[in-house]
Amino acid sequence: MAFIMVDVETDGPIPGDYSMISFGAVLVNEQLDKTFYGKLKPISDKFLPDALAVSGHTRAETLTFDEPKKVMTDFKNWVETTCSDRPIFISD
């Protein structure tokens, strides 16, 4: 099994109404050298300034990020090339 630690930043408290604006992943191994990072354009006009501030990005910046479909496809490809067996996502 391949363990992948994942962390996300959002601009609000719930999916759908708000957006995941970035996420990172690392394959848990001794080197911690296989990583992925994606920045996603918001899927909603709603956002909470305090939630967004945690990410260190402005709303204007997030509007220039990649389309979510592209980022998620890139992540899928990263997982497939990084893991030779079944990936298990972990987070806190």
C-alpha atoms as a PDB file:
ATOM      1  CA  MET A   1       0.000   0.000   0.000  1.00  0.00           C
ATOM      2  CA  ALA A   2       1.140   3.517  -0.770  1.00  0.00           C
ATOM      3  CA  PHE A   3       0.283   6.145   1.830  1.00  0.00           C
ATOM      4  CA  ILE A   4      -0.267   9.674   0.541  1.00  0.00           C
ATOM      5  CA  MET A   5      -0.620  12.531   3.022  1.00  0.00           C
ATOM      6  CA  VAL A   6      -2.995  15.196   1.699  1.00  0.00           C
ATOM      7  CA  ASP A   7      -3.740  18.717   2.947  1.00  0.00           C
ATOM      8  CA  VAL A   8      -6.232  21.202   1.478  1.00  0.00           C
ATOM      9  CA  GLU A   9      -6.907  24.910   1.752  1.00  0.00           C
ATOM     10  CA  THR A  10     -10.412  26.227   1.185  1.00  0.00           C
ATOM     11  CA  ASP A  11     -12.226  29.536   1.075  1.00  0.00           C
ATOM     12  CA  GLY A  12     -15.107  28.403   3.252  1.00  0.00           C
ATOM     13  CA  PRO A  13     -16.423  25.669   5.536  1.00  0.00           C
ATOM     14  CA  ILE A  14     -18.354  23.319   3.245  1.00  0.00           C
ATOM     15  CA  PRO A  15     -17.833  21.815  -0.239  1.00  0.00           C
ATOM     16  CA  GLY A  16     -20.141  22.932  -3.008  1.00  0.00           C
ATOM     17  CA  ASP A  17     -21.003  26.294  -1.510  1.00  0.00           C
ATOM     18  CA  TYR A  18     -17.304  27.155  -1.170  1.00  0.00           C
ATOM     19  CA  SER A  19     -14.152  26.043  -2.968  1.00  0.00           C
ATOM     20  CA  MET A  20     -11.026  24.038  -2.413  1.00  0.00           C
ATOM     21  CA  ILE A  21      -8.412  26.469  -3.661  1.00  0.00           C
ATOM     22  CA  SER A  22      -5.231  24.475  -3.178  1.00  0.00           C
ATOM     23  CA  PHE A  23      -3.988  21.131  -2.022  1.00  0.00           C
ATOM     24  CA  GLY A  24      -0.755  19.310  -1.611  1.00  0.00           C
ATOM     25  CA  ALA A  25       0.161  15.664  -1.384  1.00  0.00           C
ATOM     26  CA  VAL A  26       3.288  13.738  -0.512  1.00  0.00           C
ATOM     27  CA  LEU A  27       4.054  10.057  -0.832  1.00  0.00           C
ATOM     28  CA  VAL A  28       4.959   8.893   2.655  1.00  0.00           C
ATOM     29  CA  ASN A  29       8.400   7.315   2.286  1.00  0.00           C
ATOM     30  CA  GLU A  30      11.815   7.918   3.840  1.00  0.00           C
ATOM     31  CA  GLN A  31      12.744  10.585   1.299  1.00  0.00           C
ATOM     32  CA  LEU A  32       9.424  12.477   1.178  1.00  0.00           C
ATOM     33  CA  ASP A  33      10.553  13.419  -2.333  1.00  0.00           C
ATOM     34  CA  LYS A  34       7.422  12.678  -4.363  1.00  0.00           C
ATOM     35  CA  THR A  35       5.033  15.579  -4.039  1.00  0.00           C
ATOM     36  CA  PHE A  36       2.115  17.219  -5.792  1.00  0.00           C
ATOM     37  CA  TYR A  37       0.728  20.730  -5.404  1.00  0.00           C
ATOM     38  CA  GLY A  38      -2.280  22.179  -7.194  1.00  0.00           C
ATOM     39  CA  LYS A  39      -4.050  25.536  -7.136  1.00  0.00           C
ATOM     40  CA  LEU A  40      -7.683  25.482  -8.257  1.00  0.00           C
ATOM     41  CA  LYS A  41      -9.870  28.268  -9.575  1.00  0.00           C
ATOM     42  CA  PRO A  42     -12.947  28.685  -7.337  1.00  0.00           C
ATOM     43  CA  ILE A  43     -16.131  26.868  -8.331  1.00  0.00           C
ATOM     44  CA  SER A  44     -18.384  29.312  -6.484  1.00  0.00           C
ATOM     45  CA  ASP A  45     -18.755  33.054  -6.130  1.00  0.00           C
ATOM     46  CA  LYS A  46     -19.052  32.586  -2.360  1.00  0.00           C
ATOM     47  CA  PHE A  47     -16.013  32.868  -0.093  1.00  0.00           C
ATOM     48  CA  LEU A  48     -15.218  33.891   3.458  1.00  0.00           C
ATOM     49  CA  PRO A  49     -12.288  36.332   3.682  1.00  0.00           C
ATOM     50  CA  ASP A  50     -11.059  34.855   6.986  1.00  0.00           C
ATOM     51  CA  ALA A  51     -11.041  31.324   5.562  1.00  0.00           C
ATOM     52  CA  LEU A  52      -9.280  32.461   2.398  1.00  0.00           C
ATOM     53  CA  ALA A  53      -6.664  34.377   4.408  1.00  0.00           C
ATOM     54  CA  VAL A  54      -5.351  31.100   5.842  1.00  0.00           C
ATOM     55  CA  SER A  55      -4.099  30.147   2.377  1.00  0.00           C
ATOM     56  CA  GLY A  56      -2.118  33.354   1.925  1.00  0.00           C
ATOM     57  CA  HIS A  57      -3.875  34.055  -1.388  1.00  0.00           C
ATOM     58  CA  THR A  58      -6.222  36.859  -2.357  1.00  0.00           C
ATOM     59  CA  ARG A  59      -9.509  36.299  -4.134  1.00  0.00           C
ATOM     60  CA  ALA A  60      -8.039  37.954  -7.240  1.00  0.00           C
ATOM     61  CA  GLU A  61      -5.154  35.482  -7.199  1.00  0.00           C
ATOM     62  CA  THR A  62      -7.451  32.469  -6.866  1.00  0.00           C
ATOM     63  CA  LEU A  63      -9.382  33.562  -9.951  1.00  0.00           C
ATOM     64  CA  THR A  64      -6.177  33.074 -11.992  1.00  0.00           C
ATOM     65  CA  PHE A  65      -5.596  29.503 -10.750  1.00  0.00           C
ATOM     66  CA  ASP A  66      -6.019  26.460 -13.005  1.00  0.00           C
ATOM     67  CA  GLU A  67      -9.388  24.968 -13.831  1.00  0.00           C
ATOM     68  CA  PRO A  68     -10.294  22.330 -11.214  1.00  0.00           C
ATOM     69  CA  LYS A  69     -10.763  19.596 -13.835  1.00  0.00           C
ATOM     70  CA  LYS A  70      -7.191  20.082 -15.069  1.00  0.00           C
ATOM     71  CA  VAL A  71      -5.720  20.039 -11.549  1.00  0.00           C
ATOM     72  CA  MET A  72      -7.651  16.922 -10.561  1.00  0.00           C
ATOM     73  CA  THR A  73      -6.646  15.161 -13.794  1.00  0.00           C
ATOM     74  CA  ASP A  74      -3.014  16.097 -13.138  1.00  0.00           C
ATOM     75  CA  PHE A  75      -3.363  14.732  -9.593  1.00  0.00           C
ATOM     76  CA  LYS A  76      -4.877  11.485 -10.865  1.00  0.00           C
ATOM     77  CA  ASN A  77      -1.938  11.098 -13.242  1.00  0.00           C
ATOM     78  CA  TRP A  78       0.539  11.863 -10.433  1.00  0.00           C
ATOM     79  CA  VAL A  79      -1.046   9.210  -8.201  1.00  0.00           C
ATOM     80  CA  GLU A  80      -0.957   6.637 -10.998  1.00  0.00           C
ATOM     81  CA  THR A  81       2.721   7.278 -11.795  1.00  0.00           C
ATOM     82  CA  THR A  82       3.783   7.592  -8.140  1.00  0.00           C
ATOM     83  CA  CYS A  83       2.035   4.547  -6.703  1.00  0.00           C
ATOM     84  CA  SER A  84       2.639   1.040  -7.934  1.00  0.00           C
ATOM     85  CA  ASP A  85      -0.082  -0.326  -5.682  1.00  0.00           C
ATOM     86  CA  ARG A  86      -3.283   0.840  -4.023  1.00  0.00           C
ATOM     87  CA  PRO A  87      -2.995   4.395  -2.653  1.00  0.00           C
ATOM     88  CA  ILE A  88      -4.404   5.254   0.744  1.00  0.00           C
ATOM     89  CA  PHE A  89      -4.963   8.927   1.520  1.00  0.00           C
ATOM     90  CA  ILE A  90      -4.287  10.184   5.025  1.00  0.00           C
ATOM     91  CA  SER A  91      -4.911  13.609   6.532  1.00  0.00           C
ATOM     92  CA  ASP A  92      -5.419  15.285   9.848  1.00  0.00           C
END
